[in-house]
Amino acid sequence: AMGWFRQAAGNEREFVADINWSGGTT
């Protein structure tokens, strides 16, 4: 599975989006 995350300056890392192994679920 793959995920995207982001971290703004001074902030904690936060979840953005994820996708399963086949690409069928986001």
mmCIF file of all heavy atoms, coordinates in Angstrom:
data_MODEL
# 
_entry.id   MODEL 
# 
loop_
_atom_site.group_PDB 
_atom_site.id 
_atom_site.type_symbol 
_atom_site.label_atom_id 
_atom_site.label_alt_id 
_atom_site.label_comp_id 
_atom_site.label_asym_id 
_atom_site.label_entity_id 
_atom_site.label_seq_id 
_atom_site.pdbx_PDB_ins_code 
_atom_site.Cartn_x 
_atom_site.Cartn_y 
_atom_site.Cartn_z 
_atom_site.occupancy 
_atom_site.B_iso_or_equiv 
_atom_site.pdbx_formal_charge 
_atom_site.auth_seq_id 
_atom_site.auth_comp_id 
_atom_site.auth_asym_id 
_atom_site.auth_atom_id 
_atom_site.pdbx_PDB_model_num 
ATOM 1   N N   . ALA A 1 1  ? 0.849   -1.175 0.000  1.00 0.00 ? 1  ALA A N   1 
ATOM 2   C CA  . ALA A 1 1  ? 0.000   0.000  0.000  1.00 0.00 ? 1  ALA A CA  1 
ATOM 3   C C   . ALA A 1 1  ? 0.895   1.238  0.000  1.00 0.00 ? 1  ALA A C   1 
ATOM 4   O O   . ALA A 1 1  ? 2.030   1.195  0.485  1.00 0.00 ? 1  ALA A O   1 
ATOM 5   C CB  . ALA A 1 1  ? -0.905  0.002  1.225  1.00 0.00 ? 1  ALA A CB  1 
ATOM 6   N N   . MET A 1 2  ? 0.388   2.330  -0.544 1.00 0.00 ? 2  MET A N   1 
ATOM 7   C CA  . MET A 1 2  ? 1.158   3.566  -0.622 1.00 0.00 ? 2  MET A CA  1 
ATOM 8   C C   . MET A 1 2  ? 0.395   4.699  0.036  1.00 0.00 ? 2  MET A C   1 
ATOM 9   O O   . MET A 1 2  ? -0.834  4.751  -0.026 1.00 0.00 ? 2  MET A O   1 
ATOM 10  C CB  . MET A 1 2  ? 1.451   3.937  -2.076 1.00 0.00 ? 2  MET A CB  1 
ATOM 11  C CG  . MET A 1 2  ? 2.268   2.911  -2.838 1.00 0.00 ? 2  MET A CG  1 
ATOM 12  S SD  . MET A 1 2  ? 3.975   2.790  -2.230 1.00 0.00 ? 2  MET A SD  1 
ATOM 13  C CE  . MET A 1 2  ? 4.582   4.449  -2.576 1.00 0.00 ? 2  MET A CE  1 
ATOM 14  N N   . GLY A 1 3  ? 1.135   5.595  0.643  1.00 0.00 ? 3  GLY A N   1 
ATOM 15  C CA  . GLY A 1 3  ? 0.518   6.744  1.273  1.00 0.00 ? 3  GLY A CA  1 
ATOM 16  C C   . GLY A 1 3  ? 1.293   8.016  0.983  1.00 0.00 ? 3  GLY A C   1 
ATOM 17  O O   . GLY A 1 3  ? 2.495   7.981  0.701  1.00 0.00 ? 3  GLY A O   1 
ATOM 18  N N   . TRP A 1 4  ? 0.581   9.129  1.022  1.00 0.00 ? 4  TRP A N   1 
ATOM 19  C CA  . TRP A 1 4  ? 1.189   10.448 0.941  1.00 0.00 ? 4  TRP A CA  1 
ATOM 20  C C   . TRP A 1 4  ? 0.924   11.193 2.247  1.00 0.00 ? 4  TRP A C   1 
ATOM 21  O O   . TRP A 1 4  ? -0.200  11.161 2.764  1.00 0.00 ? 4  TRP A O   1 
ATOM 22  C CB  . TRP A 1 4  ? 0.638   11.265 -0.223 1.00 0.00 ? 4  TRP A CB  1 
ATOM 23  C CG  . TRP A 1 4  ? 1.164   10.860 -1.564 1.00 0.00 ? 4  TRP A CG  1 
ATOM 24  C CD1 . TRP A 1 4  ? 0.587   10.027 -2.463 1.00 0.00 ? 4  TRP A CD1 1 
ATOM 25  C CD2 . TRP A 1 4  ? 2.395   11.297 -2.158 1.00 0.00 ? 4  TRP A CD2 1 
ATOM 26  N NE1 . TRP A 1 4  ? 1.364   9.912  -3.585 1.00 0.00 ? 4  TRP A NE1 1 
ATOM 27  C CE2 . TRP A 1 4  ? 2.485   10.674 -3.428 1.00 0.00 ? 4  TRP A CE2 1 
ATOM 28  C CE3 . TRP A 1 4  ? 3.428   12.144 -1.756 1.00 0.00 ? 4  TRP A CE3 1 
ATOM 29  C CZ2 . TRP A 1 4  ? 3.565   10.876 -4.289 1.00 0.00 ? 4  TRP A CZ2 1 
ATOM 30  C CZ3 . TRP A 1 4  ? 4.502   12.344 -2.607 1.00 0.00 ? 4  TRP A CZ3 1 
ATOM 31  C CH2 . TRP A 1 4  ? 4.564   11.718 -3.853 1.00 0.00 ? 4  TRP A CH2 1 
ATOM 32  N N   . PHE A 1 5  ? 1.948   11.860 2.737  1.00 0.00 ? 5  PHE A N   1 
ATOM 33  C CA  . PHE A 1 5  ? 1.883   12.614 3.979  1.00 0.00 ? 5  PHE A CA  1 
ATOM 34  C C   . PHE A 1 5  ? 2.539   13.966 3.770  1.00 0.00 ? 5  PHE A C   1 
ATOM 35  O O   . PHE A 1 5  ? 3.274   14.170 2.804  1.00 0.00 ? 5  PHE A O   1 
ATOM 36  C CB  . PHE A 1 5  ? 2.583   11.844 5.108  1.00 0.00 ? 5  PHE A CB  1 
ATOM 37  C CG  . PHE A 1 5  ? 2.016   10.473 5.331  1.00 0.00 ? 5  PHE A CG  1 
ATOM 38  C CD1 . PHE A 1 5  ? 2.419   9.402  4.546  1.00 0.00 ? 5  PHE A CD1 1 
ATOM 39  C CD2 . PHE A 1 5  ? 1.072   10.255 6.314  1.00 0.00 ? 5  PHE A CD2 1 
ATOM 40  C CE1 . PHE A 1 5  ? 1.882   8.137  4.731  1.00 0.00 ? 5  PHE A CE1 1 
ATOM 41  C CE2 . PHE A 1 5  ? 0.530   8.998  6.511  1.00 0.00 ? 5  PHE A CE2 1 
ATOM 42  C CZ  . PHE A 1 5  ? 0.932   7.938  5.723  1.00 0.00 ? 5  PHE A CZ  1 
ATOM 43  N N   . ARG A 1 6  ? 2.271   14.884 4.674  1.00 0.00 ? 6  ARG A N   1 
ATOM 44  C CA  . ARG A 1 6  ? 2.915   16.190 4.571  1.00 0.00 ? 6  ARG A CA  1 
ATOM 45  C C   . ARG A 1 6  ? 3.225   16.737 5.952  1.00 0.00 ? 6  ARG A C   1 
ATOM 46  O O   . ARG A 1 6  ? 2.576   16.394 6.935  1.00 0.00 ? 6  ARG A O   1 
ATOM 47  C CB  . ARG A 1 6  ? 2.042   17.175 3.783  1.00 0.00 ? 6  ARG A CB  1 
ATOM 48  C CG  . ARG A 1 6  ? 0.732   17.546 4.454  1.00 0.00 ? 6  ARG A CG  1 
ATOM 49  C CD  . ARG A 1 6  ? -0.131  18.368 3.506  1.00 0.00 ? 6  ARG A CD  1 
ATOM 50  N NE  . ARG A 1 6  ? -1.369  18.812 4.122  1.00 0.00 ? 6  ARG A NE  1 
ATOM 51  C CZ  . ARG A 1 6  ? -2.336  19.443 3.478  1.00 0.00 ? 6  ARG A CZ  1 
ATOM 52  N NH1 . ARG A 1 6  ? -2.212  19.708 2.183  1.00 0.00 ? 6  ARG A NH1 1 
ATOM 53  N NH2 . ARG A 1 6  ? -3.433  19.820 4.125  1.00 0.00 ? 6  ARG A NH2 1 
ATOM 54  N N   . GLN A 1 7  ? 4.226   17.596 5.984  1.00 0.00 ? 7  GLN A N   1 
ATOM 55  C CA  . GLN A 1 7  ? 4.635   18.212 7.235  1.00 0.00 ? 7  GLN A CA  1 
ATOM 56  C C   . GLN A 1 7  ? 4.960   19.674 6.968  1.00 0.00 ? 7  GLN A C   1 
ATOM 57  O O   . GLN A 1 7  ? 5.935   19.985 6.278  1.00 0.00 ? 7  GLN A O   1 
ATOM 58  C CB  . GLN A 1 7  ? 5.840   17.496 7.841  1.00 0.00 ? 7  GLN A CB  1 
ATOM 59  C CG  . GLN A 1 7  ? 6.230   18.013 9.205  1.00 0.00 ? 7  GLN A CG  1 
ATOM 60  C CD  . GLN A 1 7  ? 7.236   17.112 9.898  1.00 0.00 ? 7  GLN A CD  1 
ATOM 61  O OE1 . GLN A 1 7  ? 7.889   16.285 9.259  1.00 0.00 ? 7  GLN A OE1 1 
ATOM 62  N NE2 . GLN A 1 7  ? 7.354   17.253 11.199 1.00 0.00 ? 7  GLN A NE2 1 
ATOM 63  N N   . ALA A 1 8  ? 4.140   20.558 7.505  1.00 0.00 ? 8  ALA A N   1 
ATOM 64  C CA  . ALA A 1 8  ? 4.386   21.990 7.406  1.00 0.00 ? 8  ALA A CA  1 
ATOM 65  C C   . ALA A 1 8  ? 5.378   22.400 8.478  1.00 0.00 ? 8  ALA A C   1 
ATOM 66  O O   . ALA A 1 8  ? 5.524   21.736 9.511  1.00 0.00 ? 8  ALA A O   1 
ATOM 67  C CB  . ALA A 1 8  ? 3.085   22.758 7.559  1.00 0.00 ? 8  ALA A CB  1 
ATOM 68  N N   . ALA A 1 9  ? 6.056   23.506 8.242  1.00 0.00 ? 9  ALA A N   1 
ATOM 69  C CA  . ALA A 1 9  ? 7.050   23.997 9.189  1.00 0.00 ? 9  ALA A CA  1 
ATOM 70  C C   . ALA A 1 9  ? 6.425   24.206 10.562 1.00 0.00 ? 9  ALA A C   1 
ATOM 71  O O   . ALA A 1 9  ? 5.401   24.879 10.689 1.00 0.00 ? 9  ALA A O   1 
ATOM 72  C CB  . ALA A 1 9  ? 7.656   25.297 8.679  1.00 0.00 ? 9  ALA A CB  1 
ATOM 73  N N   . GLY A 1 10 ? 7.031   23.609 11.570 1.00 0.00 ? 10 GLY A N   1 
ATOM 74  C CA  . GLY A 1 10 ? 6.541   23.750 12.931 1.00 0.00 ? 10 GLY A CA  1 
ATOM 75  C C   . GLY A 1 10 ? 5.398   22.829 13.297 1.00 0.00 ? 10 GLY A C   1 
ATOM 76  O O   . GLY A 1 10 ? 4.949   22.845 14.445 1.00 0.00 ? 10 GLY A O   1 
ATOM 77  N N   . ASN A 1 11 ? 4.906   22.040 12.349 1.00 0.00 ? 11 ASN A N   1 
ATOM 78  C CA  . ASN A 1 11 ? 3.775   21.140 12.593 1.00 0.00 ? 11 ASN A CA  1 
ATOM 79  C C   . ASN A 1 11 ? 4.209   19.683 12.566 1.00 0.00 ? 11 ASN A C   1 
ATOM 80  O O   . ASN A 1 11 ? 5.299   19.336 12.108 1.00 0.00 ? 11 ASN A O   1 
ATOM 81  C CB  . ASN A 1 11 ? 2.683   21.359 11.551 1.00 0.00 ? 11 ASN A CB  1 
ATOM 82  C CG  . ASN A 1 11 ? 1.986   22.691 11.691 1.00 0.00 ? 11 ASN A CG  1 
ATOM 83  O OD1 . ASN A 1 11 ? 2.286   23.473 12.592 1.00 0.00 ? 11 ASN A OD1 1 
ATOM 84  N ND2 . ASN A 1 11 ? 1.051   22.954 10.785 1.00 0.00 ? 11 ASN A ND2 1 
ATOM 85  N N   . GLU A 1 12 ? 3.326   18.827 13.054 1.00 0.00 ? 12 GLU A N   1 
ATOM 86  C CA  . GLU A 1 12 ? 3.560   17.393 12.976 1.00 0.00 ? 12 GLU A CA  1 
ATOM 87  C C   . GLU A 1 12 ? 3.193   16.875 11.592 1.00 0.00 ? 12 GLU A C   1 
ATOM 88  O O   . GLU A 1 12 ? 2.426   17.491 10.857 1.00 0.00 ? 12 GLU A O   1 
ATOM 89  C CB  . GLU A 1 12 ? 2.740   16.664 14.043 1.00 0.00 ? 12 GLU A CB  1 
ATOM 90  C CG  . GLU A 1 12 ? 3.141   16.983 15.469 1.00 0.00 ? 12 GLU A CG  1 
ATOM 91  C CD  . GLU A 1 12 ? 2.373   16.169 16.492 1.00 0.00 ? 12 GLU A CD  1 
ATOM 92  O OE1 . GLU A 1 12 ? 1.465   15.406 16.089 1.00 0.00 ? 12 GLU A OE1 1 
ATOM 93  O OE2 . GLU A 1 12 ? 2.679   16.283 17.682 1.00 0.00 ? 12 GLU A OE2 1 
ATOM 94  N N   . ARG A 1 13 ? 3.735   15.743 11.261 1.00 0.00 ? 13 ARG A N   1 
ATOM 95  C CA  . ARG A 1 13 ? 3.399   15.084 10.009 1.00 0.00 ? 13 ARG A CA  1 
ATOM 96  C C   . ARG A 1 13 ? 1.927   14.686 10.006 1.00 0.00 ? 13 ARG A C   1 
ATOM 97  O O   . ARG A 1 13 ? 1.411   14.175 11.002 1.00 0.00 ? 13 ARG A O   1 
ATOM 98  C CB  . ARG A 1 13 ? 4.284   13.853 9.824  1.00 0.00 ? 13 ARG A CB  1 
ATOM 99  C CG  . ARG A 1 13 ? 4.025   13.045 8.561  1.00 0.00 ? 13 ARG A CG  1 
ATOM 100 C CD  . ARG A 1 13 ? 4.985   11.875 8.487  1.00 0.00 ? 13 ARG A CD  1 
ATOM 101 N NE  . ARG A 1 13 ? 4.937   11.065 9.695  1.00 0.00 ? 13 ARG A NE  1 
ATOM 102 C CZ  . ARG A 1 13 ? 5.787   10.099 9.988  1.00 0.00 ? 13 ARG A CZ  1 
ATOM 103 N NH1 . ARG A 1 13 ? 6.783   9.824  9.160  1.00 0.00 ? 13 ARG A NH1 1 
ATOM 104 N NH2 . ARG A 1 13 ? 5.669   9.412  11.110 1.00 0.00 ? 13 ARG A NH2 1 
ATOM 105 N N   . GLU A 1 14 ? 1.242   14.909 8.895  1.00 0.00 ? 14 GLU A N   1 
ATOM 106 C CA  . GLU A 1 14 ? -0.165  14.561 8.808  1.00 0.00 ? 14 GLU A CA  1 
ATOM 107 C C   . GLU A 1 14 ? -0.457  13.730 7.564  1.00 0.00 ? 14 GLU A C   1 
ATOM 108 O O   . GLU A 1 14 ? 0.214   13.842 6.536  1.00 0.00 ? 14 GLU A O   1 
ATOM 109 C CB  . GLU A 1 14 ? -1.045  15.813 8.824  1.00 0.00 ? 14 GLU A CB  1 
ATOM 110 C CG  . GLU A 1 14 ? -0.894  16.708 7.607  1.00 0.00 ? 14 GLU A CG  1 
ATOM 111 C CD  . GLU A 1 14 ? -1.879  17.873 7.608  1.00 0.00 ? 14 GLU A CD  1 
ATOM 112 O OE1 . GLU A 1 14 ? -2.808  17.874 8.438  1.00 0.00 ? 14 GLU A OE1 1 
ATOM 113 O OE2 . GLU A 1 14 ? -1.711  18.787 6.772  1.00 0.00 ? 14 GLU A OE2 1 
ATOM 114 N N   . PHE A 1 15 ? -1.469  12.927 7.678  1.00 0.00 ? 15 PHE A N   1 
ATOM 115 C CA  . PHE A 1 15 ? -1.916  12.078 6.587  1.00 0.00 ? 15 PHE A CA  1 
ATOM 116 C C   . PHE A 1 15 ? -2.577  12.898 5.495  1.00 0.00 ? 15 PHE A C   1 
ATOM 117 O O   . PHE A 1 15 ? -3.325  13.837 5.777  1.00 0.00 ? 15 PHE A O   1 
ATOM 118 C CB  . PHE A 1 15 ? -2.900  11.038 7.129  1.00 0.00 ? 15 PHE A CB  1 
ATOM 119 C CG  . PHE A 1 15 ? -3.638  10.285 6.069  1.00 0.00 ? 15 PHE A CG  1 
ATOM 120 C CD1 . PHE A 1 15 ? -3.044  9.221  5.412  1.00 0.00 ? 15 PHE A CD1 1 
ATOM 121 C CD2 . PHE A 1 15 ? -4.925  10.639 5.725  1.00 0.00 ? 15 PHE A CD2 1 
ATOM 122 C CE1 . PHE A 1 15 ? -3.722  8.520  4.435  1.00 0.00 ? 15 PHE A CE1 1 
ATOM 123 C CE2 . PHE A 1 15 ? -5.620  9.945  4.747  1.00 0.00 ? 15 PHE A CE2 1 
ATOM 124 C CZ  . PHE A 1 15 ? -5.014  8.891  4.101  1.00 0.00 ? 15 PHE A CZ  1 
ATOM 125 N N   . VAL A 1 16 ? -2.315  12.528 4.238  1.00 0.00 ? 16 VAL A N   1 
ATOM 126 C CA  . VAL A 1 16 ? -2.934  13.181 3.097  1.00 0.00 ? 16 VAL A CA  1 
ATOM 127 C C   . VAL A 1 16 ? -3.836  12.214 2.331  1.00 0.00 ? 16 VAL A C   1 
ATOM 128 O O   . VAL A 1 16 ? -5.015  12.486 2.119  1.00 0.00 ? 16 VAL A O   1 
ATOM 129 C CB  . VAL A 1 16 ? -1.880  13.775 2.144  1.00 0.00 ? 16 VAL A CB  1 
ATOM 130 C CG1 . VAL A 1 16 ? -2.545  14.346 0.895  1.00 0.00 ? 16 VAL A CG1 1 
ATOM 131 C CG2 . VAL A 1 16 ? -1.069  14.848 2.853  1.00 0.00 ? 16 VAL A CG2 1 
ATOM 132 N N   . ALA A 1 17 ? -3.276  11.082 1.905  1.00 0.00 ? 17 ALA A N   1 
ATOM 133 C CA  . ALA A 1 17 ? -4.032  10.122 1.109  1.00 0.00 ? 17 ALA A CA  1 
ATOM 134 C C   . ALA A 1 17 ? -3.319  8.780  1.112  1.00 0.00 ? 17 ALA A C   1 
ATOM 135 O O   . ALA A 1 17 ? -2.110  8.712  1.311  1.00 0.00 ? 17 ALA A O   1 
ATOM 136 C CB  . ALA A 1 17 ? -4.201  10.613 -0.332 1.00 0.00 ? 17 ALA A CB  1 
ATOM 137 N N   . ASP A 1 18 ? -4.066  7.707  0.874  1.00 0.00 ? 18 ASP A N   1 
ATOM 138 C CA  . ASP A 1 18 ? -3.444  6.403  0.697  1.00 0.00 ? 18 ASP A CA  1 
ATOM 139 C C   . ASP A 1 18 ? -4.183  5.600  -0.359 1.00 0.00 ? 18 ASP A C   1 
ATOM 140 O O   . ASP A 1 18 ? -5.291  5.950  -0.768 1.00 0.00 ? 18 ASP A O   1 
ATOM 141 C CB  . ASP A 1 18 ? -3.300  5.629  2.017  1.00 0.00 ? 18 ASP A CB  1 
ATOM 142 C CG  . ASP A 1 18 ? -4.615  5.359  2.730  1.00 0.00 ? 18 ASP A CG  1 
ATOM 143 O OD1 . ASP A 1 18 ? -5.665  5.207  2.071  1.00 0.00 ? 18 ASP A OD1 1 
ATOM 144 O OD2 . ASP A 1 18 ? -4.590  5.275  3.987  1.00 0.00 ? 18 ASP A OD2 1 
ATOM 145 N N   . ILE A 1 19 ? -3.549  4.522  -0.801 1.00 0.00 ? 19 ILE A N   1 
ATOM 146 C CA  . ILE A 1 19 ? -4.092  3.683  -1.860 1.00 0.00 ? 19 ILE A CA  1 
ATOM 147 C C   . ILE A 1 19 ? -3.626  2.256  -1.620 1.00 0.00 ? 19 ILE A C   1 
ATOM 148 O O   . ILE A 1 19 ? -2.488  2.025  -1.220 1.00 0.00 ? 19 ILE A O   1 
ATOM 149 C CB  . ILE A 1 19 ? -3.661  4.212  -3.248 1.00 0.00 ? 19 ILE A CB  1 
ATOM 150 C CG1 . ILE A 1 19 ? -4.366  3.450  -4.377 1.00 0.00 ? 19 ILE A CG1 1 
ATOM 151 C CG2 . ILE A 1 19 ? -2.146  4.136  -3.411 1.00 0.00 ? 19 ILE A CG2 1 
ATOM 152 C CD1 . ILE A 1 19 ? -4.192  4.136  -5.736 1.00 0.00 ? 19 ILE A CD1 1 
ATOM 153 N N   . ASN A 1 20 ? -4.505  1.292  -1.858 1.00 0.00 ? 20 ASN A N   1 
ATOM 154 C CA  . ASN A 1 20 ? -4.145  -0.089 -1.595 1.00 0.00 ? 20 ASN A CA  1 
ATOM 155 C C   . ASN A 1 20 ? -3.279  -0.657 -2.715 1.00 0.00 ? 20 ASN A C   1 
ATOM 156 O O   . ASN A 1 20 ? -2.989  0.013  -3.706 1.00 0.00 ? 20 ASN A O   1 
ATOM 157 C CB  . ASN A 1 20 ? -5.398  -0.941 -1.362 1.00 0.00 ? 20 ASN A CB  1 
ATOM 158 C CG  . ASN A 1 20 ? -6.159  -1.235 -2.650 1.00 0.00 ? 20 ASN A CG  1 
ATOM 159 O OD1 . ASN A 1 20 ? -6.112  -0.468 -3.603 1.00 0.00 ? 20 ASN A OD1 1 
ATOM 160 N ND2 . ASN A 1 20 ? -6.855  -2.362 -2.666 1.00 0.00 ? 20 ASN A ND2 1 
ATOM 161 N N   . TRP A 1 21 ? -2.886  -1.901 -2.558 1.00 0.00 ? 21 TRP A N   1 
ATOM 162 C CA  . TRP A 1 21 ? -1.913  -2.501 -3.481 1.00 0.00 ? 21 TRP A CA  1 
ATOM 163 C C   . TRP A 1 21 ? -2.393  -2.569 -4.922 1.00 0.00 ? 21 TRP A C   1 
ATOM 164 O O   . TRP A 1 21 ? -1.591  -2.465 -5.859 1.00 0.00 ? 21 TRP A O   1 
ATOM 165 C CB  . TRP A 1 21 ? -1.526  -3.904 -3.005 1.00 0.00 ? 21 TRP A CB  1 
ATOM 166 C CG  . TRP A 1 21 ? -2.648  -4.902 -3.093 1.00 0.00 ? 21 TRP A CG  1 
ATOM 167 C CD1 . TRP A 1 21 ? -3.576  -5.189 -2.140 1.00 0.00 ? 21 TRP A CD1 1 
ATOM 168 C CD2 . TRP A 1 21 ? -2.946  -5.746 -4.211 1.00 0.00 ? 21 TRP A CD2 1 
ATOM 169 N NE1 . TRP A 1 21 ? -4.442  -6.156 -2.578 1.00 0.00 ? 21 TRP A NE1 1 
ATOM 170 C CE2 . TRP A 1 21 ? -4.080  -6.512 -3.850 1.00 0.00 ? 21 TRP A CE2 1 
ATOM 171 C CE3 . TRP A 1 21 ? -2.379  -5.929 -5.472 1.00 0.00 ? 21 TRP A CE3 1 
ATOM 172 C CZ2 . TRP A 1 21 ? -4.653  -7.452 -4.706 1.00 0.00 ? 21 TRP A CZ2 1 
ATOM 173 C CZ3 . TRP A 1 21 ? -2.952  -6.863 -6.334 1.00 0.00 ? 21 TRP A CZ3 1 
ATOM 174 C CH2 . TRP A 1 21 ? -4.066  -7.606 -5.945 1.00 0.00 ? 21 TRP A CH2 1 
ATOM 175 N N   . SER A 1 22 ? -3.689  -2.759 -5.120 1.00 0.00 ? 22 SER A N   1 
ATOM 176 C CA  . SER A 1 22 ? -4.235  -2.901 -6.468 1.00 0.00 ? 22 SER A CA  1 
ATOM 177 C C   . SER A 1 22 ? -4.641  -1.565 -7.089 1.00 0.00 ? 22 SER A C   1 
ATOM 178 O O   . SER A 1 22 ? -4.879  -1.495 -8.295 1.00 0.00 ? 22 SER A O   1 
ATOM 179 C CB  . SER A 1 22 ? -5.442  -3.827 -6.450 1.00 0.00 ? 22 SER A CB  1 
ATOM 180 O OG  . SER A 1 22 ? -6.536  -3.235 -5.775 1.00 0.00 ? 22 SER A OG  1 
ATOM 181 N N   . GLY A 1 23 ? -4.738  -0.534 -6.272 1.00 0.00 ? 23 GLY A N   1 
ATOM 182 C CA  . GLY A 1 23 ? -5.191  0.761  -6.748 1.00 0.00 ? 23 GLY A CA  1 
ATOM 183 C C   . GLY A 1 23 ? -6.697  0.929  -6.742 1.00 0.00 ? 23 GLY A C   1 
ATOM 184 O O   . GLY A 1 23 ? -7.200  1.969  -7.177 1.00 0.00 ? 23 GLY A O   1 
ATOM 185 N N   . GLY A 1 24 ? -7.421  -0.068 -6.232 1.00 0.00 ? 24 GLY A N   1 
ATOM 186 C CA  . GLY A 1 24 ? -8.868  -0.023 -6.267 1.00 0.00 ? 24 GLY A CA  1 
ATOM 187 C C   . GLY A 1 24 ? -9.523  0.708  -5.113 1.00 0.00 ? 24 GLY A C   1 
ATOM 188 O O   . GLY A 1 24 ? -10.721 0.990  -5.179 1.00 0.00 ? 24 GLY A O   1 
ATOM 189 N N   . THR A 1 25 ? -8.768  0.996  -4.057 1.00 0.00 ? 25 THR A N   1 
ATOM 190 C CA  . THR A 1 25 ? -9.313  1.650  -2.881 1.00 0.00 ? 25 THR A CA  1 
ATOM 191 C C   . THR A 1 25 ? -8.439  2.824  -2.493 1.00 0.00 ? 25 THR A C   1 
ATOM 192 O O   . THR A 1 25 ? -7.220  2.678  -2.359 1.00 0.00 ? 25 THR A O   1 
ATOM 193 C CB  . THR A 1 25 ? -9.417  0.675  -1.699 1.00 0.00 ? 25 THR A CB  1 
ATOM 194 O OG1 . THR A 1 25 ? -10.212 -0.453 -2.078 1.00 0.00 ? 25 THR A OG1 1 
ATOM 195 C CG2 . THR A 1 25 ? -10.058 1.355  -0.498 1.00 0.00 ? 25 THR A CG2 1 
ATOM 196 N N   . THR A 1 26 ? -9.052  3.978  -2.323 1.00 0.00 ? 26 THR A N   1 
ATOM 197 C CA  . THR A 1 26 ? -8.323  5.179  -1.911 1.00 0.00 ? 26 THR A CA  1 
ATOM 198 C C   . THR A 1 26 ? -9.012  5.831  -0.725 1.00 0.00 ? 26 THR A C   1 
ATOM 199 O O   . THR A 1 26 ? -10.205 5.610  -0.479 1.00 0.00 ? 26 THR A O   1 
ATOM 200 C CB  . THR A 1 26 ? -8.222  6.194  -3.053 1.00 0.00 ? 26 THR A CB  1 
ATOM 201 O OG1 . THR A 1 26 ? -9.537  6.550  -3.494 1.00 0.00 ? 26 THR A OG1 1 
ATOM 202 C CG2 . THR A 1 26 ? -7.447  5.611  -4.228 1.00 0.00 ? 26 THR A CG2 1 
# 
